[in-house]
Amino acid sequence: MTRPTPAALAFARSTLPVRRVASNGTVPSGFAALLKAAAQNQPKRSTAQPQVASKAPEIYHAAMLSAGVGPAPITRSEIINTAQQLMNVPYVWGGTSATGLDCSAFVSKAWDVARHTTDTFSSVASPISKDELQAGDALNLTTGRDPEGDGHVRLFESWANPEHTKMYVYEETPPRSVHHMINWDPKYQPMRRNNVVDG
């Protein structure tokens, strides 16, 4: 026997006799009873507004600090006094103590800031012009501007002549820290520590 085609099956279904059964509504059939029981066990839907998660507390951010805010205030005389106390300390590359300092550690200590390098002093100081130099300012040569790639920094004290071609500086340089007169060098960027005050 061959399998009937879909068209033949559809024709056969359409010609089957239909028997309708009336229900009195009191005793449901097995399947109807099952549907009715399932409907009764369903949780009722609430018409109340859905609960919304509580709003997160508002977050407030502190105002951004303006430029120039940073280390605690210090006077020019305090910077120079500290530099004088650091005289004759041996030069030690990477040194950070009284037994040996390098140039940037020397200026960091004089400025009373955390240890910085010639490339990071800009985080606690701002560039100034040659004409603005005052006691306690620095003359900074970053590694990028140094032809030898080492970098160096000095602490300015005063001009040694009216033409501003010679100056007195404090610096840590081999073999030990010194206070001496040197020539102005335009490769060096004058810088002023943030929050330095006269006095």
Protein backbone atom coordinates (compact mmCIF):
# COMPACT_ATOMS: atom_id res chain seq x y z
CA MET A 1 0.00 0.00 0.00
CA THR A 2 1.33 3.41 -0.95
CA ARG A 3 1.33 6.35 1.35
CA PRO A 4 -1.53 8.85 0.74
CA THR A 5 -0.62 12.28 -0.59
CA PRO A 6 -1.24 15.38 1.55
CA ALA A 7 -4.14 16.34 -0.72
CA ALA A 8 -5.79 12.92 -0.21
CA LEU A 9 -5.37 13.22 3.58
CA ALA A 10 -6.93 16.68 3.58
CA PHE A 11 -9.93 15.37 1.57
CA ALA A 12 -10.38 12.43 3.94
CA ARG A 13 -10.38 14.69 7.00
CA SER A 14 -12.93 17.01 5.52
CA THR A 15 -15.35 14.17 4.89
CA LEU A 16 -15.24 12.63 8.38
CA PRO A 17 -18.47 12.87 10.35
CA VAL A 18 -18.48 15.45 13.10
CA ARG A 19 -20.04 14.66 16.44
CA ARG A 20 -20.69 17.51 18.82
CA VAL A 21 -21.06 16.81 22.51
CA ALA A 22 -23.03 19.16 24.68
CA SER A 23 -21.78 19.90 28.15
CA ASN A 24 -24.06 20.65 31.07
CA GLY A 25 -21.26 22.74 32.67
CA THR A 26 -21.32 20.85 35.95
CA VAL A 27 -19.01 17.96 35.23
CA PRO A 28 -16.27 18.95 32.85
CA SER A 29 -14.58 16.38 30.70
CA GLY A 30 -11.12 15.19 31.72
CA PHE A 31 -9.20 17.61 29.51
CA ALA A 32 -11.51 20.52 30.28
CA ALA A 33 -11.16 19.81 34.00
CA LEU A 34 -7.41 19.86 33.68
CA LEU A 35 -7.49 23.25 31.92
CA LYS A 36 -9.86 24.69 34.51
CA ALA A 37 -7.66 23.50 37.41
CA ALA A 38 -4.56 24.94 35.81
CA ALA A 39 -6.28 28.28 35.34
CA GLN A 40 -7.33 28.38 38.99
CA ASN A 41 -3.76 27.68 40.19
CA GLN A 42 -2.26 30.55 38.16
CA PRO A 43 -1.14 33.49 40.33
CA LYS A 44 -3.45 36.46 39.90
CA ARG A 45 -1.99 39.43 38.09
CA SER A 46 -1.78 42.53 40.19
CA THR A 47 -3.17 45.76 38.84
CA ALA A 48 -0.90 47.76 41.15
CA GLN A 49 1.98 49.76 39.71
CA PRO A 50 5.15 47.72 39.29
CA GLN A 51 7.76 48.37 41.93
CA VAL A 52 10.62 50.52 40.75
CA ALA A 53 14.05 49.97 42.20
CA SER A 54 14.98 52.67 44.64
CA LYS A 55 16.93 55.49 43.07
CA ALA A 56 20.66 55.31 43.69
CA PRO A 57 21.94 58.05 45.94
CA GLU A 58 23.33 61.02 44.08
CA ILE A 59 27.10 61.16 43.80
CA TYR A 60 28.87 64.44 44.29
CA HIS A 61 32.40 64.98 43.05
CA ALA A 62 34.81 67.44 44.55
CA ALA A 63 35.60 70.41 42.37
CA MET A 64 38.70 70.02 40.24
CA LEU A 65 41.73 71.72 41.70
CA SER A 66 42.83 74.75 39.80
CA ALA A 67 46.26 74.95 38.22
CA GLY A 68 48.99 75.86 40.65
CA VAL A 69 47.47 73.97 43.57
CA GLY A 70 49.86 71.41 44.96
CA PRO A 71 52.47 71.27 47.68
CA ALA A 72 52.09 73.24 50.90
CA PRO A 73 53.22 76.87 50.77
CA ILE A 74 56.90 77.54 51.35
CA THR A 75 58.91 80.76 51.48
CA ARG A 76 61.89 81.58 49.30
CA SER A 77 64.10 81.93 52.38
CA GLU A 78 63.08 78.41 53.54
CA ILE A 79 64.14 77.01 50.17
CA ILE A 80 67.51 78.76 50.26
CA ASN A 81 68.11 77.78 53.92
CA THR A 82 67.49 74.12 53.09
CA ALA A 83 69.82 74.33 50.08
CA GLN A 84 72.55 75.78 52.32
CA GLN A 85 72.11 72.90 54.78
CA LEU A 86 72.61 70.45 51.91
CA MET A 87 76.00 71.85 50.92
CA ASN A 88 78.91 69.39 50.56
CA VAL A 89 76.63 66.34 50.29
CA PRO A 90 78.31 63.85 47.92
CA TYR A 91 76.82 63.42 44.48
CA VAL A 92 75.28 59.95 44.06
CA TRP A 93 73.19 59.24 40.96
CA GLY A 94 69.74 58.22 42.23
CA GLY A 95 70.71 59.17 45.80
CA THR A 96 68.00 60.51 48.09
CA SER A 97 69.65 60.87 51.51
CA ALA A 98 72.18 63.04 53.32
CA THR A 99 74.86 60.50 52.45
CA GLY A 100 74.36 61.10 48.73
CA LEU A 101 72.00 63.03 46.43
CA ASP A 102 71.60 63.64 42.75
CA CYS A 103 70.56 66.98 41.27
CA SER A 104 66.82 66.39 41.20
CA ALA A 105 66.74 64.93 44.72
CA PHE A 106 68.64 68.04 45.89
CA VAL A 107 66.01 70.40 44.43
CA SER A 108 63.17 68.16 45.62
CA LYS A 109 64.48 68.40 49.18
CA ALA A 110 65.07 72.16 48.94
CA TRP A 111 61.51 72.60 47.62
CA ASP A 112 60.13 70.22 50.29
CA VAL A 113 58.30 68.05 47.75
CA ALA A 114 58.29 64.33 47.03
CA ARG A 115 61.18 62.98 44.97
CA HIS A 116 60.96 64.25 41.39
CA THR A 117 63.16 64.07 38.32
CA THR A 118 63.97 66.68 35.72
CA ASP A 119 61.14 65.21 33.63
CA THR A 120 58.50 65.34 36.41
CA PHE A 121 59.14 68.70 38.11
CA SER A 122 56.38 70.15 35.93
CA SER A 123 53.85 68.42 38.21
CA VAL A 124 54.85 70.67 41.14
CA ALA A 125 56.17 73.72 39.30
CA SER A 126 55.32 76.02 36.43
CA PRO A 127 57.60 77.45 33.73
CA ILE A 128 58.53 81.12 34.04
CA SER A 129 60.63 83.49 31.97
CA LYS A 130 64.28 84.35 32.59
CA ASP A 131 63.25 87.85 33.70
CA GLU A 132 60.95 86.41 36.39
CA LEU A 133 63.67 84.38 38.14
CA GLN A 134 63.89 84.86 41.90
CA ALA A 135 65.64 83.11 44.78
CA GLY A 136 64.37 79.54 45.17
CA ASP A 137 63.31 79.07 41.53
CA ALA A 138 64.86 76.27 39.51
CA LEU A 139 66.67 76.02 36.19
CA ASN A 140 65.60 72.72 34.68
CA LEU A 141 67.05 70.79 31.77
CA THR A 142 64.86 67.79 30.94
CA THR A 143 66.35 64.65 29.47
CA GLY A 144 64.66 65.49 26.16
CA ARG A 145 66.33 68.91 25.95
CA ASP A 146 69.72 67.71 27.15
CA PRO A 147 72.01 66.89 24.19
CA GLU A 148 73.57 64.15 26.34
CA GLY A 149 70.14 62.84 27.43
CA ASP A 150 70.89 62.96 31.17
CA GLY A 151 69.03 66.08 32.31
CA HIS A 152 70.07 68.42 35.13
CA VAL A 153 68.48 70.92 37.50
CA ARG A 154 69.88 73.82 39.53
CA LEU A 155 68.47 76.10 42.20
CA PHE A 156 68.66 79.80 41.35
CA GLU A 157 69.77 82.24 44.07
CA SER A 158 70.48 85.58 42.33
CA TRP A 159 71.96 87.29 39.31
CA ALA A 160 75.70 87.92 39.55
CA ASN A 161 75.77 90.84 37.10
CA PRO A 162 73.39 93.53 35.82
CA GLU A 163 73.35 92.02 32.31
CA HIS A 164 71.86 88.77 33.66
CA THR A 165 74.48 86.66 31.94
CA LYS A 166 75.96 85.24 35.18
CA MET A 167 74.15 83.87 38.21
CA TYR A 168 74.63 82.26 41.61
CA VAL A 169 73.14 78.79 41.93
CA TYR A 170 73.01 75.86 44.31
CA GLU A 171 73.38 72.50 42.63
CA GLU A 172 74.22 68.89 43.26
CA THR A 173 76.94 67.99 40.80
CA PRO A 174 79.94 65.65 40.99
CA PRO A 175 81.74 65.37 43.28
CA ARG A 176 79.41 67.19 45.75
CA SER A 177 76.79 69.92 46.11
CA VAL A 178 78.09 73.49 45.66
CA HIS A 179 77.07 77.14 45.69
CA HIS A 180 78.84 78.94 42.87
CA MET A 181 78.60 81.41 40.01
CA ILE A 182 77.92 80.10 36.50
CA ASN A 183 76.93 81.48 33.12
CA TRP A 184 73.30 81.70 32.02
CA ASP A 185 72.46 78.73 29.78
CA PRO A 186 69.37 79.17 27.56
CA LYS A 187 68.87 75.38 27.31
CA TYR A 188 67.61 75.44 30.91
CA GLN A 189 63.93 76.24 31.54
CA PRO A 190 63.30 78.52 34.55
CA MET A 191 60.61 77.03 36.80
CA ARG A 192 58.83 78.16 39.94
CA ARG A 193 57.57 75.75 42.57
CA ASN A 194 53.82 75.95 43.06
CA ASN A 195 52.79 77.78 46.24
CA VAL A 196 56.12 79.48 46.81
CA VAL A 197 55.69 82.78 48.65
CA ASP A 198 57.94 85.75 49.31
CA GLY A 199 59.68 85.81 52.64
